[in-house]
Full PDB file with SEQRES, HELIX, SHEET, SSBOND, CRYST1, ORIGX, SCALE, CONECT and MASTER records, all heavy atoms in Angstrom:
SEQRES   1 A   39  THR GLN ASN ASN PHE HIS LEU THR MET PRO GLY ALA ASN          
SEQRES   2 A   39  ALA ASP ALA GLN ILE GLN ILE TYR ASN LEU LEU GLY GLN          
SEQRES   3 A   39  CYS VAL ARG PHE VAL ASN PRO ASP SER PHE ARG ILE ASP          
SHEET    1 AA1 2 ILE A  18  TYR A  21  0                                        
SHEET    2 AA1 2 CYS A  27  VAL A  31 -1                                        
CRYST1    1.000    1.000    1.000  90.00  90.00  90.00 P 1           1          
ORIGX1      1.000000  0.000000  0.000000        0.00000                         
ORIGX2      0.000000  1.000000  0.000000        0.00000                         
ORIGX3      0.000000  0.000000  1.000000        0.00000                         
SCALE1      1.000000  0.000000  0.000000        0.00000                         
SCALE2      0.000000  1.000000  0.000000        0.00000                         
SCALE3      0.000000  0.000000  1.000000        0.00000                         
ATOM      1  N   THR A   1       3.815   5.976   5.446  1.00  0.00           N  
ATOM      2  CA  THR A   1       3.996   7.437   5.323  1.00  0.00           C  
ATOM      3  C   THR A   1       2.833   8.185   5.997  1.00  0.00           C  
ATOM      4  O   THR A   1       1.779   7.578   6.185  1.00  0.00           O  
ATOM      5  CB  THR A   1       4.074   7.855   3.819  1.00  0.00           C  
ATOM      6  OG1 THR A   1       4.341   9.213   3.715  1.00  0.00           O  
ATOM      7  CG2 THR A   1       2.710   7.516   3.152  1.00  0.00           C  
ATOM      8  N   GLN A   2       3.073   9.492   6.264  1.00  0.00           N  
ATOM      9  CA  GLN A   2       2.003  10.290   6.866  1.00  0.00           C  
ATOM     10  C   GLN A   2       1.543  11.352   5.901  1.00  0.00           C  
ATOM     11  O   GLN A   2       0.307  11.644   5.836  1.00  0.00           O  
ATOM     12  CB  GLN A   2       2.570  11.025   8.141  1.00  0.00           C  
ATOM     13  CG  GLN A   2       2.750  10.040   9.304  1.00  0.00           C  
ATOM     14  CD  GLN A   2       3.139  10.835  10.541  1.00  0.00           C  
ATOM     15  OE1 GLN A   2       3.736  11.919  10.499  1.00  0.00           O  
ATOM     16  NE2 GLN A   2       2.818  10.282  11.714  1.00  0.00           N  
ATOM     17  N   ASN A   3       2.484  11.932   5.058  1.00  0.00           N  
ATOM     18  CA  ASN A   3       2.060  13.052   4.237  1.00  0.00           C  
ATOM     19  C   ASN A   3       2.230  12.766   2.721  1.00  0.00           C  
ATOM     20  O   ASN A   3       1.314  12.887   1.919  1.00  0.00           O  
ATOM     21  CB  ASN A   3       2.858  14.299   4.571  1.00  0.00           C  
ATOM     22  CG  ASN A   3       2.589  14.738   6.008  1.00  0.00           C  
ATOM     23  OD1 ASN A   3       1.440  14.851   6.422  1.00  0.00           O  
ATOM     24  ND2 ASN A   3       3.646  15.035   6.746  1.00  0.00           N  
ATOM     25  N   ASN A   4       3.412  12.290   2.310  1.00  0.00           N  
ATOM     26  CA  ASN A   4       3.636  11.984   0.911  1.00  0.00           C  
ATOM     27  C   ASN A   4       4.601  10.834   0.831  1.00  0.00           C  
ATOM     28  O   ASN A   4       5.270  10.442   1.769  1.00  0.00           O  
ATOM     29  CB  ASN A   4       4.139  13.187   0.136  1.00  0.00           C  
ATOM     30  CG  ASN A   4       5.404  13.835   0.764  1.00  0.00           C  
ATOM     31  OD1 ASN A   4       6.375  13.149   0.943  1.00  0.00           O  
ATOM     32  ND2 ASN A   4       5.326  15.101   1.081  1.00  0.00           N  
ATOM     33  N   PHE A   5       4.746  10.345  -0.354  1.00  0.00           N  
ATOM     34  CA  PHE A   5       5.711   9.232  -0.619  1.00  0.00           C  
ATOM     35  C   PHE A   5       6.386   9.424  -1.990  1.00  0.00           C  
ATOM     36  O   PHE A   5       5.784  10.105  -2.899  1.00  0.00           O  
ATOM     37  CB  PHE A   5       5.066   7.859  -0.528  1.00  0.00           C  
ATOM     38  CG  PHE A   5       4.031   7.587  -1.617  1.00  0.00           C  
ATOM     39  CD1 PHE A   5       4.402   6.972  -2.825  1.00  0.00           C  
ATOM     40  CD2 PHE A   5       2.683   7.921  -1.447  1.00  0.00           C  
ATOM     41  CE1 PHE A   5       3.464   6.704  -3.796  1.00  0.00           C  
ATOM     42  CE2 PHE A   5       1.775   7.664  -2.425  1.00  0.00           C  
ATOM     43  CZ  PHE A   5       2.148   7.084  -3.614  1.00  0.00           C  
ATOM     44  N   HIS A   6       7.532   8.872  -2.165  1.00  0.00           N  
ATOM     45  CA  HIS A   6       8.228   8.934  -3.435  1.00  0.00           C  
ATOM     46  C   HIS A   6       8.039   7.579  -4.141  1.00  0.00           C  
ATOM     47  O   HIS A   6       8.256   6.499  -3.542  1.00  0.00           O  
ATOM     48  CB  HIS A   6       9.710   9.182  -3.252  1.00  0.00           C  
ATOM     49  CG  HIS A   6       9.964  10.490  -2.473  1.00  0.00           C  
ATOM     50  ND1 HIS A   6       9.770  11.726  -3.009  1.00  0.00           N  
ATOM     51  CD2 HIS A   6      10.438  10.661  -1.206  1.00  0.00           C  
ATOM     52  CE1 HIS A   6      10.066  12.642  -2.156  1.00  0.00           C  
ATOM     53  NE2 HIS A   6      10.448  12.038  -1.026  1.00  0.00           N  
ATOM     54  N   LEU A   7       7.638   7.621  -5.403  1.00  0.00           N  
ATOM     55  CA  LEU A   7       7.478   6.402  -6.198  1.00  0.00           C  
ATOM     56  C   LEU A   7       8.622   6.303  -7.209  1.00  0.00           C  
ATOM     57  O   LEU A   7       8.967   7.298  -7.866  1.00  0.00           O  
ATOM     58  CB  LEU A   7       6.111   6.508  -6.942  1.00  0.00           C  
ATOM     59  CG  LEU A   7       5.741   5.294  -7.858  1.00  0.00           C  
ATOM     60  CD1 LEU A   7       4.222   5.176  -7.952  1.00  0.00           C  
ATOM     61  CD2 LEU A   7       6.320   5.439  -9.258  1.00  0.00           C  
ATOM     62  N   THR A   8       9.239   5.124  -7.245  1.00  0.00           N  
ATOM     63  CA  THR A   8      10.346   4.901  -8.192  1.00  0.00           C  
ATOM     64  C   THR A   8      10.100   3.619  -8.965  1.00  0.00           C  
ATOM     65  O   THR A   8       9.751   2.589  -8.410  1.00  0.00           O  
ATOM     66  CB  THR A   8      11.707   4.738  -7.421  1.00  0.00           C  
ATOM     67  OG1 THR A   8      11.966   5.920  -6.689  1.00  0.00           O  
ATOM     68  CG2 THR A   8      12.832   4.546  -8.444  1.00  0.00           C  
ATOM     69  N   MET A   9      10.206   3.742 -10.281  1.00  0.00           N  
ATOM     70  CA  MET A   9      10.043   2.581 -11.147  1.00  0.00           C  
ATOM     71  C   MET A   9      11.023   2.695 -12.307  1.00  0.00           C  
ATOM     72  O   MET A   9      10.809   3.580 -13.224  1.00  0.00           O  
ATOM     73  CB  MET A   9       8.652   2.380 -11.664  1.00  0.00           C  
ATOM     74  CG  MET A   9       8.429   1.037 -12.403  1.00  0.00           C  
ATOM     75  SD  MET A   9       6.781   0.835 -13.031  1.00  0.00           S  
ATOM     76  CE  MET A   9       6.872   1.832 -14.528  1.00  0.00           C  
ATOM     77  N   PRO A  10      12.111   1.907 -12.375  1.00  0.00           N  
ATOM     78  CA  PRO A  10      13.071   1.993 -13.432  1.00  0.00           C  
ATOM     79  C   PRO A  10      12.392   1.818 -14.789  1.00  0.00           C  
ATOM     80  O   PRO A  10      11.608   0.874 -15.004  1.00  0.00           O  
ATOM     81  CB  PRO A  10      14.051   0.847 -13.112  1.00  0.00           C  
ATOM     82  CG  PRO A  10      13.932   0.625 -11.660  1.00  0.00           C  
ATOM     83  CD  PRO A  10      12.475   0.923 -11.358  1.00  0.00           C  
ATOM     84  N   GLY A  11      12.678   2.718 -15.718  1.00  0.00           N  
ATOM     85  CA  GLY A  11      12.185   2.600 -17.100  1.00  0.00           C  
ATOM     86  C   GLY A  11      10.751   3.014 -17.243  1.00  0.00           C  
ATOM     87  O   GLY A  11      10.095   2.724 -18.261  1.00  0.00           O  
ATOM     88  N   ALA A  12      10.170   3.765 -16.251  1.00  0.00           N  
ATOM     89  CA  ALA A  12       8.813   4.164 -16.355  1.00  0.00           C  
ATOM     90  C   ALA A  12       8.554   5.091 -17.548  1.00  0.00           C  
ATOM     91  O   ALA A  12       9.385   5.951 -17.854  1.00  0.00           O  
ATOM     92  CB  ALA A  12       8.342   4.856 -15.078  1.00  0.00           C  
ATOM     93  N   ASN A  13       7.405   4.982 -18.183  1.00  0.00           N  
ATOM     94  CA  ASN A  13       6.993   5.855 -19.271  1.00  0.00           C  
ATOM     95  C   ASN A  13       6.708   7.246 -18.694  1.00  0.00           C  
ATOM     96  O   ASN A  13       6.118   7.365 -17.602  1.00  0.00           O  
ATOM     97  CB  ASN A  13       5.778   5.254 -19.924  1.00  0.00           C  
ATOM     98  CG  ASN A  13       5.421   5.972 -21.189  1.00  0.00           C  
ATOM     99  OD1 ASN A  13       5.372   7.227 -21.196  1.00  0.00           O  
ATOM    100  ND2 ASN A  13       5.137   5.199 -22.237  1.00  0.00           N  
ATOM    101  N   ALA A  14       7.086   8.299 -19.380  1.00  0.00           N  
ATOM    102  CA  ALA A  14       6.888   9.669 -18.900  1.00  0.00           C  
ATOM    103  C   ALA A  14       5.365   9.949 -18.772  1.00  0.00           C  
ATOM    104  O   ALA A  14       4.962  10.863 -18.020  1.00  0.00           O  
ATOM    105  CB  ALA A  14       7.535  10.662 -19.831  1.00  0.00           C  
ATOM    106  N   ASP A  15       4.575   9.218 -19.516  1.00  0.00           N  
ATOM    107  CA  ASP A  15       3.105   9.464 -19.471  1.00  0.00           C  
ATOM    108  C   ASP A  15       2.402   8.463 -18.562  1.00  0.00           C  
ATOM    109  O   ASP A  15       1.218   8.222 -18.699  1.00  0.00           O  
ATOM    110  CB  ASP A  15       2.546   9.377 -20.882  1.00  0.00           C  
ATOM    111  CG  ASP A  15       2.983  10.514 -21.786  1.00  0.00           C  
ATOM    112  OD1 ASP A  15       3.161  11.616 -21.250  1.00  0.00           O  
ATOM    113  OD2 ASP A  15       3.183  10.270 -22.973  1.00  0.00           O  
ATOM    114  N   ALA A  16       3.126   7.818 -17.663  1.00  0.00           N  
ATOM    115  CA  ALA A  16       2.529   6.840 -16.787  1.00  0.00           C  
ATOM    116  C   ALA A  16       1.404   7.435 -15.926  1.00  0.00           C  
ATOM    117  O   ALA A  16       1.494   8.548 -15.475  1.00  0.00           O  
ATOM    118  CB  ALA A  16       3.617   6.233 -15.885  1.00  0.00           C  
ATOM    119  N   GLN A  17       0.393   6.632 -15.757  1.00  0.00           N  
ATOM    120  CA  GLN A  17      -0.773   7.016 -14.907  1.00  0.00           C  
ATOM    121  C   GLN A  17      -0.525   6.420 -13.497  1.00  0.00           C  
ATOM    122  O   GLN A  17      -0.074   5.327 -13.393  1.00  0.00           O  
ATOM    123  CB  GLN A  17      -2.091   6.523 -15.443  1.00  0.00           C  
ATOM    124  CG  GLN A  17      -2.460   7.095 -16.787  1.00  0.00           C  
ATOM    125  CD  GLN A  17      -3.792   6.546 -17.281  1.00  0.00           C  
ATOM    126  OE1 GLN A  17      -4.477   5.843 -16.531  1.00  0.00           O  
ATOM    127  NE2 GLN A  17      -4.115   6.803 -18.518  1.00  0.00           N  
ATOM    128  N   ILE A  18      -0.889   7.160 -12.477  1.00  0.00           N  
ATOM    129  CA  ILE A  18      -0.728   6.721 -11.079  1.00  0.00           C  
ATOM    130  C   ILE A  18      -2.098   6.700 -10.476  1.00  0.00           C  
ATOM    131  O   ILE A  18      -2.814   7.708 -10.495  1.00  0.00           O  
ATOM    132  CB  ILE A  18       0.240   7.590 -10.337  1.00  0.00           C  
ATOM    133  CG1 ILE A  18       1.572   7.689 -11.016  1.00  0.00           C  
ATOM    134  CG2 ILE A  18       0.384   7.077  -8.873  1.00  0.00           C  
ATOM    135  CD1 ILE A  18       2.549   8.660 -10.389  1.00  0.00           C  
ATOM    136  N   GLN A  19      -2.547   5.548  -9.954  1.00  0.00           N  
ATOM    137  CA  GLN A  19      -3.817   5.424  -9.322  1.00  0.00           C  
ATOM    138  C   GLN A  19      -3.660   4.872  -7.935  1.00  0.00           C  
ATOM    139  O   GLN A  19      -2.715   4.023  -7.695  1.00  0.00           O  
ATOM    140  CB  GLN A  19      -4.734   4.496 -10.104  1.00  0.00           C  
ATOM    141  CG  GLN A  19      -4.945   4.932 -11.553  1.00  0.00           C  
ATOM    142  CD  GLN A  19      -5.572   3.887 -12.422  1.00  0.00           C  
ATOM    143  OE1 GLN A  19      -5.669   2.715 -12.041  1.00  0.00           O  
ATOM    144  NE2 GLN A  19      -5.953   4.243 -13.645  1.00  0.00           N  
ATOM    145  N   ILE A  20      -4.479   5.262  -6.944  1.00  0.00           N  
ATOM    146  CA  ILE A  20      -4.407   4.728  -5.634  1.00  0.00           C  
ATOM    147  C   ILE A  20      -5.787   4.232  -5.251  1.00  0.00           C  
ATOM    148  O   ILE A  20      -6.811   4.927  -5.420  1.00  0.00           O  
ATOM    149  CB  ILE A  20      -3.974   5.838  -4.621  1.00  0.00           C  
ATOM    150  CG1 ILE A  20      -2.580   6.368  -4.978  1.00  0.00           C  
ATOM    151  CG2 ILE A  20      -3.947   5.293  -3.203  1.00  0.00           C  
ATOM    152  CD1 ILE A  20      -2.126   7.496  -4.093  1.00  0.00           C  
ATOM    153  N   TYR A  21      -5.842   2.960  -4.790  1.00  0.00           N  
ATOM    154  CA  TYR A  21      -7.119   2.332  -4.439  1.00  0.00           C  
ATOM    155  C   TYR A  21      -7.133   2.014  -2.930  1.00  0.00           C  
ATOM    156  O   TYR A  21      -6.110   1.736  -2.323  1.00  0.00           O  
ATOM    157  CB  TYR A  21      -7.258   0.961  -5.191  1.00  0.00           C  
ATOM    158  CG  TYR A  21      -7.492   1.164  -6.696  1.00  0.00           C  
ATOM    159  CD1 TYR A  21      -6.440   1.347  -7.552  1.00  0.00           C  
ATOM    160  CD2 TYR A  21      -8.775   1.068  -7.222  1.00  0.00           C  
ATOM    161  CE1 TYR A  21      -6.602   1.522  -8.915  1.00  0.00           C  
ATOM    162  CE2 TYR A  21      -8.975   1.214  -8.580  1.00  0.00           C  
ATOM    163  CZ  TYR A  21      -7.893   1.419  -9.395  1.00  0.00           C  
ATOM    164  OH  TYR A  21      -8.091   1.569 -10.731  1.00  0.00           O  
ATOM    165  N   ASN A  22      -8.362   2.092  -2.346  1.00  0.00           N  
ATOM    166  CA  ASN A  22      -8.490   1.625  -0.994  1.00  0.00           C  
ATOM    167  C   ASN A  22      -8.848   0.135  -0.972  1.00  0.00           C  
ATOM    168  O   ASN A  22      -8.960  -0.451  -2.030  1.00  0.00           O  
ATOM    169  CB  ASN A  22      -9.597   2.435  -0.229  1.00  0.00           C  
ATOM    170  CG  ASN A  22     -10.982   2.318  -0.894  1.00  0.00           C  
ATOM    171  OD1 ASN A  22     -11.254   1.379  -1.621  1.00  0.00           O  
ATOM    172  ND2 ASN A  22     -11.813   3.278  -0.598  1.00  0.00           N  
ATOM    173  N   LEU A  23      -9.027  -0.471   0.189  1.00  0.00           N  
ATOM    174  CA  LEU A  23      -9.225  -1.857   0.279  1.00  0.00           C  
ATOM    175  C   LEU A  23     -10.653  -2.316  -0.183  1.00  0.00           C  
ATOM    176  O   LEU A  23     -10.940  -3.500  -0.252  1.00  0.00           O  
ATOM    177  CB  LEU A  23      -8.990  -2.364   1.718  1.00  0.00           C  
ATOM    178  CG  LEU A  23      -7.536  -2.302   2.169  1.00  0.00           C  
ATOM    179  CD1 LEU A  23      -7.374  -2.968   3.539  1.00  0.00           C  
ATOM    180  CD2 LEU A  23      -6.617  -2.987   1.150  1.00  0.00           C  
ATOM    181  N   LEU A  24     -11.471  -1.331  -0.481  1.00  0.00           N  
ATOM    182  CA  LEU A  24     -12.800  -1.668  -1.054  1.00  0.00           C  
ATOM    183  C   LEU A  24     -12.722  -1.678  -2.559  1.00  0.00           C  
ATOM    184  O   LEU A  24     -13.733  -1.979  -3.245  1.00  0.00           O  
ATOM    185  CB  LEU A  24     -13.868  -0.630  -0.590  1.00  0.00           C  
ATOM    186  CG  LEU A  24     -14.146  -0.555   0.904  1.00  0.00           C  
ATOM    187  CD1 LEU A  24     -15.127   0.561   1.192  1.00  0.00           C  
ATOM    188  CD2 LEU A  24     -14.649  -1.921   1.379  1.00  0.00           C  
ATOM    189  N   GLY A  25     -11.551  -1.432  -3.112  1.00  0.00           N  
ATOM    190  CA  GLY A  25     -11.353  -1.450  -4.555  1.00  0.00           C  
ATOM    191  C   GLY A  25     -11.773  -0.124  -5.213  1.00  0.00           C  
ATOM    192  O   GLY A  25     -11.878  -0.037  -6.465  1.00  0.00           O  
ATOM    193  N   GLN A  26     -11.981   0.923  -4.448  1.00  0.00           N  
ATOM    194  CA  GLN A  26     -12.374   2.216  -4.966  1.00  0.00           C  
ATOM    195  C   GLN A  26     -11.132   3.064  -5.209  1.00  0.00           C  
ATOM    196  O   GLN A  26     -10.209   3.111  -4.426  1.00  0.00           O  
ATOM    197  CB  GLN A  26     -13.225   2.975  -3.925  1.00  0.00           C  
ATOM    198  CG  GLN A  26     -14.539   2.222  -3.569  1.00  0.00           C  
ATOM    199  CD  GLN A  26     -15.216   2.811  -2.371  1.00  0.00           C  
ATOM    200  OE1 GLN A  26     -14.581   3.315  -1.428  1.00  0.00           O  
ATOM    201  NE2 GLN A  26     -16.553   2.719  -2.323  1.00  0.00           N  
ATOM    202  N   CYS A  27     -11.082   3.728  -6.404  1.00  0.00           N  
ATOM    203  CA  CYS A  27      -9.990   4.588  -6.706  1.00  0.00           C  
ATOM    204  C   CYS A  27     -10.176   5.921  -6.001  1.00  0.00           C  
ATOM    205  O   CYS A  27     -11.120   6.694  -6.302  1.00  0.00           O  
ATOM    206  CB  CYS A  27      -9.968   4.830  -8.271  1.00  0.00           C  
ATOM    207  SG  CYS A  27      -8.570   5.826  -8.830  1.00  0.00           S  
ATOM    208  N   VAL A  28      -9.237   6.202  -5.083  1.00  0.00           N  
ATOM    209  CA  VAL A  28      -9.335   7.435  -4.280  1.00  0.00           C  
ATOM    210  C   VAL A  28      -8.419   8.476  -4.743  1.00  0.00           C  
ATOM    211  O   VAL A  28      -8.471   9.632  -4.276  1.00  0.00           O  
ATOM    212  CB  VAL A  28      -9.023   7.069  -2.780  1.00  0.00           C  
ATOM    213  CG1 VAL A  28     -10.084   6.114  -2.243  1.00  0.00           C  
ATOM    214  CG2 VAL A  28      -7.646   6.485  -2.647  1.00  0.00           C  
ATOM    215  N   ARG A  29      -7.553   8.192  -5.668  1.00  0.00           N  
ATOM    216  CA  ARG A  29      -6.626   9.182  -6.246  1.00  0.00           C  
ATOM    217  C   ARG A  29      -6.238   8.766  -7.638  1.00  0.00           C  
ATOM    218  O   ARG A  29      -5.787   7.644  -7.838  1.00  0.00           O  
ATOM    219  CB  ARG A  29      -5.388   9.338  -5.329  1.00  0.00           C  
ATOM    220  CG  ARG A  29      -4.359  10.389  -5.788  1.00  0.00           C  
ATOM    221  CD  ARG A  29      -4.930  11.764  -5.698  1.00  0.00           C  
ATOM    222  NE  ARG A  29      -5.656  12.037  -4.475  1.00  0.00           N  
ATOM    223  CZ  ARG A  29      -5.040  12.380  -3.337  1.00  0.00           C  
ATOM    224  NH1 ARG A  29      -3.713  12.473  -3.265  1.00  0.00           N  
ATOM    225  NH2 ARG A  29      -5.720  12.627  -2.268  1.00  0.00           N  
ATOM    226  N   PHE A  30      -6.431   9.628  -8.653  1.00  0.00           N  
ATOM    227  CA  PHE A  30      -6.011   9.391  -9.981  1.00  0.00           C  
ATOM    228  C   PHE A  30      -5.182  10.562 -10.414  1.00  0.00           C  
ATOM    229  O   PHE A  30      -5.611  11.705 -10.437  1.00  0.00           O  
ATOM    230  CB  PHE A  30      -7.221   9.215 -10.927  1.00  0.00           C  
ATOM    231  CG  PHE A  30      -6.823   9.148 -12.376  1.00  0.00           C  
ATOM    232  CD1 PHE A  30      -6.270   7.992 -12.900  1.00  0.00           C  
ATOM    233  CD2 PHE A  30      -7.059  10.234 -13.216  1.00  0.00           C  
ATOM    234  CE1 PHE A  30      -5.924   7.897 -14.205  1.00  0.00           C  
ATOM    235  CE2 PHE A  30      -6.683  10.151 -14.552  1.00  0.00           C  
ATOM    236  CZ  PHE A  30      -6.159   8.993 -15.048  1.00  0.00           C  
ATOM    237  N   VAL A  31      -3.938  10.319 -10.802  1.00  0.00           N  
ATOM    238  CA  VAL A  31      -3.034  11.319 -11.251  1.00  0.00           C  
ATOM    239  C   VAL A  31      -2.938  11.276 -12.814  1.00  0.00           C  
ATOM    240  O   VAL A  31      -2.389  10.357 -13.355  1.00  0.00           O  
ATOM    241  CB  VAL A  31      -1.646  11.135 -10.684  1.00  0.00           C  
ATOM    242  CG1 VAL A  31      -0.729  12.236 -11.082  1.00  0.00           C  
ATOM    243  CG2 VAL A  31      -1.686  11.024  -9.159  1.00  0.00           C  
ATOM    244  N   ASN A  32      -3.597  12.232 -13.421  1.00  0.00           N  
ATOM    245  CA  ASN A  32      -3.662  12.305 -14.886  1.00  0.00           C  
ATOM    246  C   ASN A  32      -2.288  12.640 -15.429  1.00  0.00           C  
ATOM    247  O   ASN A  32      -1.664  13.615 -14.996  1.00  0.00           O  
ATOM    248  CB  ASN A  32      -4.681  13.346 -15.326  1.00  0.00           C  
ATOM    249  CG  ASN A  32      -5.043  13.198 -16.799  1.00  0.00           C  
ATOM    250  OD1 ASN A  32      -4.090  13.252 -17.607  1.00  0.00           O  
ATOM    251  ND2 ASN A  32      -6.300  13.100 -17.098  1.00  0.00           N  
ATOM    252  N   PRO A  33      -1.808  11.913 -16.456  1.00  0.00           N  
ATOM    253  CA  PRO A  33      -0.446  12.216 -17.007  1.00  0.00           C  
ATOM    254  C   PRO A  33      -0.359  13.585 -17.663  1.00  0.00           C  
ATOM    255  O   PRO A  33       0.720  14.084 -17.836  1.00  0.00           O  
ATOM    256  CB  PRO A  33      -0.294  11.097 -18.048  1.00  0.00           C  
ATOM    257  CG  PRO A  33      -1.629  10.583 -18.372  1.00  0.00           C  
ATOM    258  CD  PRO A  33      -2.447  10.743 -17.081  1.00  0.00           C  
ATOM    259  N   ASP A  34      -1.543  14.212 -17.999  1.00  0.00           N  
ATOM    260  CA  ASP A  34      -1.470  15.524 -18.609  1.00  0.00           C  
ATOM    261  C   ASP A  34      -1.169  16.610 -17.571  1.00  0.00           C  
ATOM    262  O   ASP A  34      -0.733  17.672 -17.916  1.00  0.00           O  
ATOM    263  CB  ASP A  34      -2.853  15.855 -19.230  1.00  0.00           C  
ATOM    264  CG  ASP A  34      -3.118  14.996 -20.478  1.00  0.00           C  
ATOM    265  OD1 ASP A  34      -2.125  14.523 -21.097  1.00  0.00           O  
ATOM    266  OD2 ASP A  34      -4.313  14.750 -20.781  1.00  0.00           O  
ATOM    267  N   SER A  35      -1.407  16.304 -16.282  1.00  0.00           N  
ATOM    268  CA  SER A  35      -1.184  17.282 -15.270  1.00  0.00           C  
ATOM    269  C   SER A  35      -0.003  16.912 -14.331  1.00  0.00           C  
ATOM    270  O   SER A  35       0.373  17.676 -13.438  1.00  0.00           O  
ATOM    271  CB  SER A  35      -2.443  17.421 -14.427  1.00  0.00           C  
ATOM    272  OG  SER A  35      -2.788  16.212 -13.791  1.00  0.00           O  
ATOM    273  N   PHE A  36       0.556  15.680 -14.524  1.00  0.00           N  
ATOM    274  CA  PHE A  36       1.616  15.258 -13.646  1.00  0.00           C  
ATOM    275  C   PHE A  36       2.550  14.303 -14.428  1.00  0.00           C  
ATOM    276  O   PHE A  36       2.113  13.481 -15.153  1.00  0.00           O  
ATOM    277  CB  PHE A  36       1.060  14.525 -12.444  1.00  0.00           C  
ATOM    278  CG  PHE A  36       2.091  14.186 -11.394  1.00  0.00           C  
ATOM    279  CD1 PHE A  36       2.296  15.026 -10.347  1.00  0.00           C  
ATOM    280  CD2 PHE A  36       2.815  13.016 -11.467  1.00  0.00           C  
ATOM    281  CE1 PHE A  36       3.268  14.750  -9.392  1.00  0.00           C  
ATOM    282  CE2 PHE A  36       3.803  12.704 -10.506  1.00  0.00           C  
ATOM    283  CZ  PHE A  36       4.005  13.592  -9.473  1.00  0.00           C  
ATOM    284  N   ARG A  37       3.815  14.571 -14.345  1.00  0.00           N  
ATOM    285  CA  ARG A  37       4.771  13.756 -15.134  1.00  0.00           C  
ATOM    286  C   ARG A  37       5.816  13.106 -14.165  1.00  0.00           C  
ATOM    287  O   ARG A  37       6.284  13.719 -13.241  1.00  0.00           O  
ATOM    288  CB  ARG A  37       5.539  14.683 -16.122  1.00  0.00           C  
ATOM    289  CG  ARG A  37       4.620  15.379 -17.115  1.00  0.00           C  
ATOM    290  CD  ARG A  37       4.264  14.480 -18.260  1.00  0.00           C  
ATOM    291  NE  ARG A  37       3.403  15.160 -19.210  1.00  0.00           N  
ATOM    292  CZ  ARG A  37       3.048  14.680 -20.359  1.00  0.00           C  
ATOM    293  NH1 ARG A  37       3.464  13.467 -20.741  1.00  0.00           N  
ATOM    294  NH2 ARG A  37       2.224  15.323 -21.169  1.00  0.00           N  
ATOM    295  N   ILE A  38       6.106  11.855 -14.525  1.00  0.00           N  
ATOM    296  CA  ILE A  38       7.233  11.205 -13.813  1.00  0.00           C  
ATOM    297  C   ILE A  38       8.518  11.802 -14.396  1.00  0.00           C  
ATOM    298  O   ILE A  38       8.646  11.986 -15.640  1.00  0.00           O  
ATOM    299  CB  ILE A  38       7.189   9.663 -14.058  1.00  0.00           C  
ATOM    300  CG1 ILE A  38       6.033   9.102 -13.236  1.00  0.00           C  
ATOM    301  CG2 ILE A  38       8.508   9.043 -13.640  1.00  0.00           C  
ATOM    302  CD1 ILE A  38       5.894   7.595 -13.443  1.00  0.00           C  
ATOM    303  N   ASP A  39       9.469  12.181 -13.548  1.00  0.00           N  
ATOM    304  CA  ASP A  39      10.641  12.846 -14.045  1.00  0.00           C  
ATOM    305  C   ASP A  39      11.586  11.890 -14.759  1.00  0.00           C  
ATOM    306  O   ASP A  39      11.311  10.675 -14.867  1.00  0.00           O  
ATOM    307  CB  ASP A  39      11.368  13.604 -12.924  1.00  0.00           C  
ATOM    308  CG  ASP A  39      11.940  12.653 -11.849  1.00  0.00           C  
ATOM    309  OD1 ASP A  39      12.206  11.482 -12.169  1.00  0.00           O  
ATOM    310  OD2 ASP A  39      12.126  13.100 -10.718  1.00  0.00           O  
TER     311      ASP A  39                                                      
MASTER        0    0    0    0    2    0    0    6  310    1    0    3          
END                                                                             
């Protein structure tokens, strides 16, 4: 992807946390469930 991507996971919890790591193992994006919800 260049700009955004769609994440799909059957049966995901509405309060699921989403984290993105680089290859150094550093968390470069953390999506807090209080500010973002899986539909």
